[in-house]
Amino acid sequence: MDEIQKLIDRVVRERFKDYAIQSVTAVRDTDFEDENVFRVTVVFDHKGPLDARKSAGLVRHLRHALIGELQESTFPIVAFISKSDAARMRTEAA
């Protein structure tokens, strides 16, 4: 999983190099149809909205890298969370 985490982190940071990405986490999981997926969470610190074209195209870039570099066909599901929302979620969970 380390190689996969590093690859996903790299692709996200390359695609969003103009944004302050705080963290990228990828966790193996299953979806509602019991298919294997990667749940990818991107925490960012940016004023204003993310570029919709970049965020919409991220899954395509992740899939291309995962399959091309690691022969990994598991589908990534990506969630973007602002730094302030992530902090609020940690506080509520405590």
PDB file of N, CA and C in Angstrom:
ATOM      1  N   MET A   1       0.823  -1.200   0.000  1.00  0.00           N
ATOM      2  CA  MET A   1       0.000   0.000   0.000  1.00  0.00           C
ATOM      3  C   MET A   1       0.861   1.254   0.000  1.00  0.00           C
ATOM      4  N   ASP A   2       2.099   1.162   0.500  1.00  0.00           N
ATOM      5  CA  ASP A   2       2.982   2.328   0.512  1.00  0.00           C
ATOM      6  C   ASP A   2       3.223   2.884  -0.885  1.00  0.00           C
ATOM      7  N   GLU A   3       3.480   1.997  -1.859  1.00  0.00           N
ATOM      8  CA  GLU A   3       3.702   2.437  -3.235  1.00  0.00           C
ATOM      9  C   GLU A   3       2.465   3.132  -3.781  1.00  0.00           C
ATOM     10  N   ILE A   4       1.309   2.580  -3.479  1.00  0.00           N
ATOM     11  CA  ILE A   4       0.054   3.152  -3.957  1.00  0.00           C
ATOM     12  C   ILE A   4      -0.172   4.516  -3.323  1.00  0.00           C
ATOM     13  N   GLN A   5       0.047   4.621  -2.020  1.00  0.00           N
ATOM     14  CA  GLN A   5      -0.110   5.905  -1.330  1.00  0.00           C
ATOM     15  C   GLN A   5       0.817   6.961  -1.929  1.00  0.00           C
ATOM     16  N   LYS A   6       2.068   6.593  -2.152  1.00  0.00           N
ATOM     17  CA  LYS A   6       3.037   7.534  -2.723  1.00  0.00           C
ATOM     18  C   LYS A   6       2.628   7.978  -4.117  1.00  0.00           C
ATOM     19  N   LEU A   7       2.169   7.040  -4.938  1.00  0.00           N
ATOM     20  CA  LEU A   7       1.754   7.366  -6.293  1.00  0.00           C
ATOM     21  C   LEU A   7       0.545   8.304  -6.271  1.00  0.00           C
ATOM     22  N   ILE A   8      -0.456   7.985  -5.475  1.00  0.00           N
ATOM     23  CA  ILE A   8      -1.653   8.824  -5.396  1.00  0.00           C
ATOM     24  C   ILE A   8      -1.286  10.211  -4.896  1.00  0.00           C
ATOM     25  N   ASP A   9      -0.458  10.287  -3.871  1.00  0.00           N
ATOM     26  CA  ASP A   9      -0.013  11.580  -3.338  1.00  0.00           C
ATOM     27  C   ASP A   9       0.686  12.396  -4.423  1.00  0.00           C
ATOM     28  N   ARG A  10       1.580  11.744  -5.156  1.00  0.00           N
ATOM     29  CA  ARG A  10       2.325  12.435  -6.211  1.00  0.00           C
ATOM     30  C   ARG A  10       1.403  12.985  -7.296  1.00  0.00           C
ATOM     31  N   VAL A  11       0.475  12.166  -7.764  1.00  0.00           N
ATOM     32  CA  VAL A  11      -0.428  12.598  -8.836  1.00  0.00           C
ATOM     33  C   VAL A  11      -1.302  13.761  -8.370  1.00  0.00           C
ATOM     34  N   VAL A  12      -1.833  13.672  -7.163  1.00  0.00           N
ATOM     35  CA  VAL A  12      -2.673  14.757  -6.647  1.00  0.00           C
ATOM     36  C   VAL A  12      -1.870  16.043  -6.561  1.00  0.00           C
ATOM     37  N   ARG A  13      -0.679  15.977  -6.001  1.00  0.00           N
ATOM     38  CA  ARG A  13       0.140  17.194  -5.836  1.00  0.00           C
ATOM     39  C   ARG A  13       0.586  17.767  -7.180  1.00  0.00           C
ATOM     40  N   GLU A  14       0.840  16.904  -8.164  1.00  0.00           N
ATOM     41  CA  GLU A  14       1.187  17.391  -9.506  1.00  0.00           C
ATOM     42  C   GLU A  14       0.003  18.114 -10.144  1.00  0.00           C
ATOM     43  N   ARG A  15      -1.171  17.540 -10.025  1.00  0.00           N
ATOM     44  CA  ARG A  15      -2.370  18.131 -10.633  1.00  0.00           C
ATOM     45  C   ARG A  15      -2.789  19.423  -9.941  1.00  0.00           C
ATOM     46  N   PHE A  16      -2.528  19.530  -8.646  1.00  0.00           N
ATOM     47  CA  PHE A  16      -2.946  20.702  -7.877  1.00  0.00           C
ATOM     48  C   PHE A  16      -1.741  21.455  -7.321  1.00  0.00           C
ATOM     49  N   LYS A  17      -0.718  21.616  -8.160  1.00  0.00           N
ATOM     50  CA  LYS A  17       0.520  22.249  -7.691  1.00  0.00           C
ATOM     51  C   LYS A  17       0.327  23.710  -7.295  1.00  0.00           C
ATOM     52  N   ASP A  18      -0.722  24.357  -7.768  1.00  0.00           N
ATOM     53  CA  ASP A  18      -0.998  25.753  -7.406  1.00  0.00           C
ATOM     54  C   ASP A  18      -1.849  25.871  -6.146  1.00  0.00           C
ATOM     55  N   TYR A  19      -2.149  24.754  -5.521  1.00  0.00           N
ATOM     56  CA  TYR A  19      -2.981  24.734  -4.321  1.00  0.00           C
ATOM     57  C   TYR A  19      -2.146  24.245  -3.134  1.00  0.00           C
ATOM     58  N   ALA A  20      -2.519  24.668  -1.957  1.00  0.00           N
ATOM     59  CA  ALA A  20      -1.825  24.223  -0.743  1.00  0.00           C
ATOM     60  C   ALA A  20      -2.462  22.917  -0.278  1.00  0.00           C
ATOM     61  N   ILE A  21      -1.938  21.803  -0.770  1.00  0.00           N
ATOM     62  CA  ILE A  21      -2.442  20.496  -0.372  1.00  0.00           C
ATOM     63  C   ILE A  21      -1.832  20.159   0.986  1.00  0.00           C
ATOM     64  N   GLN A  22      -2.687  19.943   1.977  1.00  0.00           N
ATOM     65  CA  GLN A  22      -2.228  19.637   3.336  1.00  0.00           C
ATOM     66  C   GLN A  22      -1.917  18.155   3.491  1.00  0.00           C
ATOM     67  N   SER A  23      -2.777  17.313   2.962  1.00  0.00           N
ATOM     68  CA  SER A  23      -2.557  15.868   3.070  1.00  0.00           C
ATOM     69  C   SER A  23      -3.352  15.129   2.002  1.00  0.00           C
ATOM     70  N   VAL A  24      -2.852  13.947   1.687  1.00  0.00           N
ATOM     71  CA  VAL A  24      -3.535  13.034   0.762  1.00  0.00           C
ATOM     72  C   VAL A  24      -3.474  11.662   1.416  1.00  0.00           C
ATOM     73  N   THR A  25      -4.631  11.069   1.650  1.00  0.00           N
ATOM     74  CA  THR A  25      -4.654   9.721   2.220  1.00  0.00           C
ATOM     75  C   THR A  25      -5.448   8.800   1.306  1.00  0.00           C
ATOM     76  N   ALA A  26      -4.997   7.569   1.221  1.00  0.00           N
ATOM     77  CA  ALA A  26      -5.689   6.556   0.430  1.00  0.00           C
ATOM     78  C   ALA A  26      -5.858   5.317   1.299  1.00  0.00           C
ATOM     79  N   VAL A  27      -7.079   4.815   1.348  1.00  0.00           N
ATOM     80  CA  VAL A  27      -7.403   3.657   2.165  1.00  0.00           C
ATOM     81  C   VAL A  27      -8.152   2.645   1.293  1.00  0.00           C
ATOM     82  N   ARG A  28      -7.741   1.387   1.381  1.00  0.00           N
ATOM     83  CA  ARG A  28      -8.488   0.324   0.670  1.00  0.00           C
ATOM     84  C   ARG A  28      -9.835   0.131   1.353  1.00  0.00           C
ATOM     85  N   ASP A  29     -10.868  -0.052   0.537  1.00  0.00           N
ATOM     86  CA  ASP A  29     -12.221  -0.223   1.066  1.00  0.00           C
ATOM     87  C   ASP A  29     -13.035  -0.957   0.011  1.00  0.00           C
ATOM     88  N   THR A  30     -14.299  -1.170   0.296  1.00  0.00           N
ATOM     89  CA  THR A  30     -15.228  -1.702  -0.697  1.00  0.00           C
ATOM     90  C   THR A  30     -16.390  -0.736  -0.830  1.00  0.00           C
ATOM     91  N   ASP A  31     -16.961  -0.677  -2.021  1.00  0.00           N
ATOM     92  CA  ASP A  31     -18.091   0.215  -2.248  1.00  0.00           C
ATOM     93  C   ASP A  31     -19.405  -0.516  -1.970  1.00  0.00           C
ATOM     94  N   PHE A  32     -20.515   0.124  -2.293  1.00  0.00           N
ATOM     95  CA  PHE A  32     -21.831  -0.445  -1.994  1.00  0.00           C
ATOM     96  C   PHE A  32     -22.129  -1.705  -2.790  1.00  0.00           C
ATOM     97  N   GLU A  33     -21.376  -1.957  -3.859  1.00  0.00           N
ATOM     98  CA  GLU A  33     -21.547  -3.187  -4.642  1.00  0.00           C
ATOM     99  C   GLU A  33     -20.493  -4.231  -4.279  1.00  0.00           C
ATOM    100  N   ASP A  34     -19.794  -3.997  -3.183  1.00  0.00           N
ATOM    101  CA  ASP A  34     -18.756  -4.885  -2.683  1.00  0.00           C
ATOM    102  C   ASP A  34     -17.547  -4.972  -3.620  1.00  0.00           C
ATOM    103  N   GLU A  35     -17.330  -3.926  -4.416  1.00  0.00           N
ATOM    104  CA  GLU A  35     -16.158  -3.837  -5.280  1.00  0.00           C
ATOM    105  C   GLU A  35     -15.035  -3.147  -4.511  1.00  0.00           C
ATOM    106  N   ASN A  36     -13.802  -3.562  -4.762  1.00  0.00           N
ATOM    107  CA  ASN A  36     -12.651  -2.919  -4.124  1.00  0.00           C
ATOM    108  C   ASN A  36     -12.475  -1.513  -4.670  1.00  0.00           C
ATOM    109  N   VAL A  37     -12.194  -0.568  -3.782  1.00  0.00           N
ATOM    110  CA  VAL A  37     -11.938   0.820  -4.156  1.00  0.00           C
ATOM    111  C   VAL A  37     -10.836   1.378  -3.257  1.00  0.00           C
ATOM    112  N   PHE A  38     -10.279   2.503  -3.689  1.00  0.00           N
ATOM    113  CA  PHE A  38      -9.425   3.313  -2.829  1.00  0.00           C
ATOM    114  C   PHE A  38     -10.235   4.546  -2.457  1.00  0.00           C
ATOM    115  N   ARG A  39     -10.396   4.800  -1.182  1.00  0.00           N
ATOM    116  CA  ARG A  39     -11.033   6.033  -0.720  1.00  0.00           C
ATOM    117  C   ARG A  39      -9.907   7.037  -0.515  1.00  0.00           C
ATOM    118  N   VAL A  40      -9.869   8.028  -1.382  1.00  0.00           N
ATOM    119  CA  VAL A  40      -8.812   9.035  -1.368  1.00  0.00           C
ATOM    120  C   VAL A  40      -9.390  10.319  -0.793  1.00  0.00           C
ATOM    121  N   THR A  41      -8.731  10.849   0.235  1.00  0.00           N
ATOM    122  CA  THR A  41      -9.150  12.111   0.836  1.00  0.00           C
ATOM    123  C   THR A  41      -8.038  13.128   0.646  1.00  0.00           C
ATOM    124  N   VAL A  42      -8.402  14.260   0.041  1.00  0.00           N
ATOM    125  CA  VAL A  42      -7.460  15.345  -0.209  1.00  0.00           C
ATOM    126  C   VAL A  42      -7.871  16.520   0.668  1.00  0.00           C
ATOM    127  N   VAL A  43      -6.991  16.909   1.572  1.00  0.00           N
ATOM    128  CA  VAL A  43      -7.245  18.067   2.433  1.00  0.00           C
ATOM    129  C   VAL A  43      -6.437  19.225   1.860  1.00  0.00           C
ATOM    130  N   PHE A  44      -7.135  20.332   1.577  1.00  0.00           N
ATOM    131  CA  PHE A  44      -6.479  21.480   0.955  1.00  0.00           C
ATOM    132  C   PHE A  44      -6.739  22.747   1.753  1.00  0.00           C
ATOM    133  N   ASP A  45      -5.838  23.700   1.611  1.00  0.00           N
ATOM    134  CA  ASP A  45      -5.964  25.006   2.251  1.00  0.00           C
ATOM    135  C   ASP A  45      -5.892  26.045   1.142  1.00  0.00           C
ATOM    136  N   HIS A  46      -7.045  26.447   0.651  1.00  0.00           N
ATOM    137  CA  HIS A  46      -7.098  27.339  -0.506  1.00  0.00           C
ATOM    138  C   HIS A  46      -8.304  28.244  -0.375  1.00  0.00           C
ATOM    139  N   LYS A  47      -8.109  29.502  -0.644  1.00  0.00           N
ATOM    140  CA  LYS A  47      -9.239  30.432  -0.635  1.00  0.00           C
ATOM    141  C   LYS A  47      -9.967  30.287  -1.963  1.00  0.00           C
ATOM    142  N   GLY A  48     -11.247  30.088  -1.884  1.00  0.00           N
ATOM    143  CA  GLY A  48     -12.032  29.926  -3.100  1.00  0.00           C
ATOM    144  C   GLY A  48     -12.170  28.468  -3.487  1.00  0.00           C
ATOM    145  N   PRO A  49     -12.952  28.236  -4.518  1.00  0.00           N
ATOM    146  CA  PRO A  49     -13.215  26.850  -4.940  1.00  0.00           C
ATOM    147  C   PRO A  49     -12.033  26.243  -5.688  1.00  0.00           C
ATOM    148  N   LEU A  50     -11.988  24.921  -5.691  1.00  0.00           N
ATOM    149  CA  LEU A  50     -11.001  24.212  -6.495  1.00  0.00           C
ATOM    150  C   LEU A  50     -11.404  24.322  -7.963  1.00  0.00           C
ATOM    151  N   ASP A  51     -10.441  24.174  -8.839  1.00  0.00           N
ATOM    152  CA  ASP A  51     -10.695  24.168 -10.276  1.00  0.00           C
ATOM    153  C   ASP A  51     -11.507  22.912 -10.614  1.00  0.00           C
ATOM    154  N   ALA A  52     -12.718  23.109 -11.085  1.00  0.00           N
ATOM    155  CA  ALA A  52     -13.625  21.982 -11.364  1.00  0.00           C
ATOM    156  C   ALA A  52     -13.050  21.036 -12.419  1.00  0.00           C
ATOM    157  N   ARG A  53     -12.371  21.570 -13.421  1.00  0.00           N
ATOM    158  CA  ARG A  53     -11.788  20.704 -14.456  1.00  0.00           C
ATOM    159  C   ARG A  53     -10.701  19.805 -13.877  1.00  0.00           C
ATOM    160  N   LYS A  54      -9.877  20.381 -12.987  1.00  0.00           N
ATOM    161  CA  LYS A  54      -8.811  19.574 -12.384  1.00  0.00           C
ATOM    162  C   LYS A  54      -9.386  18.517 -11.448  1.00  0.00           C
ATOM    163  N   SER A  55     -10.359  18.900 -10.637  1.00  0.00           N
ATOM    164  CA  SER A  55     -10.910  17.928  -9.695  1.00  0.00           C
ATOM    165  C   SER A  55     -11.709  16.847 -10.426  1.00  0.00           C
ATOM    166  N   ALA A  56     -12.445  17.218 -11.466  1.00  0.00           N
ATOM    167  CA  ALA A  56     -13.221  16.232 -12.223  1.00  0.00           C
ATOM    168  C   ALA A  56     -12.313  15.263 -12.982  1.00  0.00           C
ATOM    169  N   GLY A  57     -11.174  15.750 -13.441  1.00  0.00           N
ATOM    170  CA  GLY A  57     -10.262  14.908 -14.214  1.00  0.00           C
ATOM    171  C   GLY A  57      -9.282  14.108 -13.377  1.00  0.00           C
ATOM    172  N   LEU A  58      -9.283  14.328 -12.071  1.00  0.00           N
ATOM    173  CA  LEU A  58      -8.295  13.665 -11.223  1.00  0.00           C
ATOM    174  C   LEU A  58      -8.409  12.143 -11.249  1.00  0.00           C
ATOM    175  N   VAL A  59      -9.616  11.620 -11.220  1.00  0.00           N
ATOM    176  CA  VAL A  59      -9.791  10.159 -11.220  1.00  0.00           C
ATOM    177  C   VAL A  59      -9.159   9.555 -12.472  1.00  0.00           C
ATOM    178  N   ARG A  60      -9.339  10.206 -13.606  1.00  0.00           N
ATOM    179  CA  ARG A  60      -8.750   9.709 -14.854  1.00  0.00           C
ATOM    180  C   ARG A  60      -7.227   9.658 -14.743  1.00  0.00           C
ATOM    181  N   HIS A  61      -6.622  10.699 -14.188  1.00  0.00           N
ATOM    182  CA  HIS A  61      -5.169  10.734 -14.035  1.00  0.00           C
ATOM    183  C   HIS A  61      -4.692   9.696 -13.019  1.00  0.00           C
ATOM    184  N   LEU A  62      -5.437   9.526 -11.940  1.00  0.00           N
ATOM    185  CA  LEU A  62      -5.081   8.502 -10.954  1.00  0.00           C
ATOM    186  C   LEU A  62      -5.161   7.110 -11.567  1.00  0.00           C
ATOM    187  N   ARG A  63      -6.244   6.831 -12.294  1.00  0.00           N
ATOM    188  CA  ARG A  63      -6.403   5.507 -12.920  1.00  0.00           C
ATOM    189  C   ARG A  63      -5.264   5.221 -13.893  1.00  0.00           C
ATOM    190  N   HIS A  64      -4.940   6.213 -14.701  1.00  0.00           N
ATOM    191  CA  HIS A  64      -3.871   6.046 -15.680  1.00  0.00           C
ATOM    192  C   HIS A  64      -2.550   5.712 -14.979  1.00  0.00           C
ATOM    193  N   ALA A  65      -2.228   6.427 -13.906  1.00  0.00           N
ATOM    194  CA  ALA A  65      -0.981   6.183 -13.176  1.00  0.00           C
ATOM    195  C   ALA A  65      -1.010   4.841 -12.443  1.00  0.00           C
ATOM    196  N   LEU A  66      -2.119   4.536 -11.795  1.00  0.00           N
ATOM    197  CA  LEU A  66      -2.219   3.277 -11.047  1.00  0.00           C
ATOM    198  C   LEU A  66      -2.062   2.074 -11.970  1.00  0.00           C
ATOM    199  N   ILE A  67      -2.754   2.109 -13.100  1.00  0.00           N
ATOM    200  CA  ILE A  67      -2.682   0.983 -14.034  1.00  0.00           C
ATOM    201  C   ILE A  67      -1.331   0.958 -14.741  1.00  0.00           C
ATOM    202  N   GLY A  68      -0.886   2.112 -15.220  1.00  0.00           N
ATOM    203  CA  GLY A  68       0.351   2.177 -16.000  1.00  0.00           C
ATOM    204  C   GLY A  68       1.612   1.895 -15.205  1.00  0.00           C
ATOM    205  N   GLU A  69       1.661   2.386 -13.958  1.00  0.00           N
ATOM    206  CA  GLU A  69       2.888   2.248 -13.175  1.00  0.00           C
ATOM    207  C   GLU A  69       2.875   1.051 -12.219  1.00  0.00           C
ATOM    208  N   LEU A  70       1.710   0.702 -11.701  1.00  0.00           N
ATOM    209  CA  LEU A  70       1.650  -0.360 -10.687  1.00  0.00           C
ATOM    210  C   LEU A  70       0.759  -1.537 -11.087  1.00  0.00           C
ATOM    211  N   GLN A  71       0.175  -1.481 -12.273  1.00  0.00           N
ATOM    212  CA  GLN A  71      -0.756  -2.521 -12.728  1.00  0.00           C
ATOM    213  C   GLN A  71      -1.873  -2.733 -11.692  1.00  0.00           C
ATOM    214  N   GLU A  72      -2.311  -1.644 -11.088  1.00  0.00           N
ATOM    215  CA  GLU A  72      -3.338  -1.659 -10.048  1.00  0.00           C
ATOM    216  C   GLU A  72      -4.639  -1.126 -10.649  1.00  0.00           C
ATOM    217  N   SER A  73      -5.666  -1.975 -10.717  1.00  0.00           N
ATOM    218  CA  SER A  73      -6.916  -1.580 -11.371  1.00  0.00           C
ATOM    219  C   SER A  73      -8.010  -1.138 -10.394  1.00  0.00           C
ATOM    220  N   THR A  74      -7.710  -1.098  -9.111  1.00  0.00           N
ATOM    221  CA  THR A  74      -8.697  -0.660  -8.127  1.00  0.00           C
ATOM    222  C   THR A  74      -9.083   0.785  -8.398  1.00  0.00           C
ATOM    223  N   PHE A  75     -10.384   1.063  -8.339  1.00  0.00           N
ATOM    224  CA  PHE A  75     -10.910   2.383  -8.689  1.00  0.00           C
ATOM    225  C   PHE A  75     -10.772   3.356  -7.523  1.00  0.00           C
ATOM    226  N   PRO A  76     -10.271   4.580  -7.779  1.00  0.00           N
ATOM    227  CA  PRO A  76     -10.179   5.579  -6.708  1.00  0.00           C
ATOM    228  C   PRO A  76     -11.453   6.419  -6.613  1.00  0.00           C
ATOM    229  N   ILE A  77     -11.927   6.610  -5.408  1.00  0.00           N
ATOM    230  CA  ILE A  77     -13.048   7.512  -5.137  1.00  0.00           C
ATOM    231  C   ILE A  77     -12.459   8.662  -4.330  1.00  0.00           C
ATOM    232  N   VAL A  78     -12.568   9.883  -4.863  1.00  0.00           N
ATOM    233  CA  VAL A  78     -11.863  11.029  -4.292  1.00  0.00           C
ATOM    234  C   VAL A  78     -12.833  11.982  -3.593  1.00  0.00           C
ATOM    235  N   ALA A  79     -12.431  12.409  -2.393  1.00  0.00           N
ATOM    236  CA  ALA A  79     -13.171  13.435  -1.651  1.00  0.00           C
ATOM    237  C   ALA A  79     -12.206  14.577  -1.357  1.00  0.00           C
ATOM    238  N   PHE A  80     -12.658  15.797  -1.578  1.00  0.00           N
ATOM    239  CA  PHE A  80     -11.884  16.990  -1.267  1.00  0.00           C
ATOM    240  C   PHE A  80     -12.473  17.638  -0.032  1.00  0.00           C
ATOM    241  N   ILE A  81     -11.622  17.959   0.937  1.00  0.00           N
ATOM    242  CA  ILE A  81     -12.076  18.575   2.181  1.00  0.00           C
ATOM    243  C   ILE A  81     -11.162  19.757   2.475  1.00  0.00           C
ATOM    244  N   SER A  82     -11.757  20.887   2.806  1.00  0.00           N
ATOM    245  CA  SER A  82     -10.930  22.041   3.164  1.00  0.00           C
ATOM    246  C   SER A  82     -10.264  21.796   4.506  1.00  0.00           C
ATOM    247  N   LYS A  83      -9.150  22.467   4.722  1.00  0.00           N
ATOM    248  CA  LYS A  83      -8.405  22.324   5.976  1.00  0.00           C
ATOM    249  C   LYS A  83      -9.291  22.668   7.169  1.00  0.00           C
ATOM    250  N   SER A  84     -10.094  23.724   7.055  1.00  0.00           N
ATOM    251  CA  SER A  84     -10.965  24.124   8.169  1.00  0.00           C
ATOM    252  C   SER A  84     -12.041  23.081   8.444  1.00  0.00           C
ATOM    253  N   ASP A  85     -12.616  22.494   7.394  1.00  0.00           N
ATOM    254  CA  ASP A  85     -13.612  21.437   7.599  1.00  0.00           C
ATOM    255  C   ASP A  85     -12.978  20.191   8.202  1.00  0.00           C
ATOM    256  N   ALA A  86     -11.770  19.846   7.769  1.00  0.00           N
ATOM    257  CA  ALA A  86     -11.080  18.676   8.317  1.00  0.00           C
ATOM    258  C   ALA A  86     -10.805  18.872   9.805  1.00  0.00           C
ATOM    259  N   ALA A  87     -10.392  20.080  10.192  1.00  0.00           N
ATOM    260  CA  ALA A  87     -10.134  20.362  11.609  1.00  0.00           C
ATOM    261  C   ALA A  87     -11.421  20.270  12.411  1.00  0.00           C
ATOM    262  N   ARG A  88     -12.496  20.778  11.861  1.00  0.00           N
ATOM    263  CA  ARG A  88     -13.799  20.729  12.535  1.00  0.00           C
ATOM    264  C   ARG A  88     -14.256  19.279  12.704  1.00  0.00           C
ATOM    265  N   MET A  89     -14.014  18.447  11.691  1.00  0.00           N
ATOM    266  CA  MET A  89     -14.410  17.027  11.776  1.00  0.00           C
ATOM    267  C   MET A  89     -13.604  16.310  12.849  1.00  0.00           C
ATOM    268  N   ARG A  90     -12.310  16.631  12.968  1.00  0.00           N
ATOM    269  CA  ARG A  90     -11.474  16.003  14.004  1.00  0.00           C
ATOM    270  C   ARG A  90     -11.967  16.409  15.403  1.00  0.00           C
ATOM    271  N   THR A  91     -12.343  17.662  15.550  1.00  0.00           N
ATOM    272  CA  THR A  91     -12.820  18.170  16.834  1.00  0.00           C
ATOM    273  C   THR A  91     -14.138  17.496  17.217  1.00  0.00           C
ATOM    274  N   GLU A  92     -15.046  17.348  16.272  1.00  0.00           N
ATOM    275  CA  GLU A  92     -16.337  16.724  16.539  1.00  0.00           C
ATOM    276  C   GLU A  92     -16.186  15.249  16.867  1.00  0.00           C
ATOM    277  N   ALA A  93     -15.200  14.595  16.267  1.00  0.00           N
ATOM    278  CA  ALA A  93     -14.992  13.162  16.492  1.00  0.00           C
ATOM    279  C   ALA A  93     -14.379  12.886  17.878  1.00  0.00           C
ATOM    280  N   ALA A  94     -13.732  13.868  18.435  1.00  0.00           N
ATOM    281  CA  ALA A  94     -13.034  13.675  19.718  1.00  0.00           C
ATOM    282  C   ALA A  94     -13.957  13.660  20.894  1.00  0.00           C
TER     283      ALA A  94
END
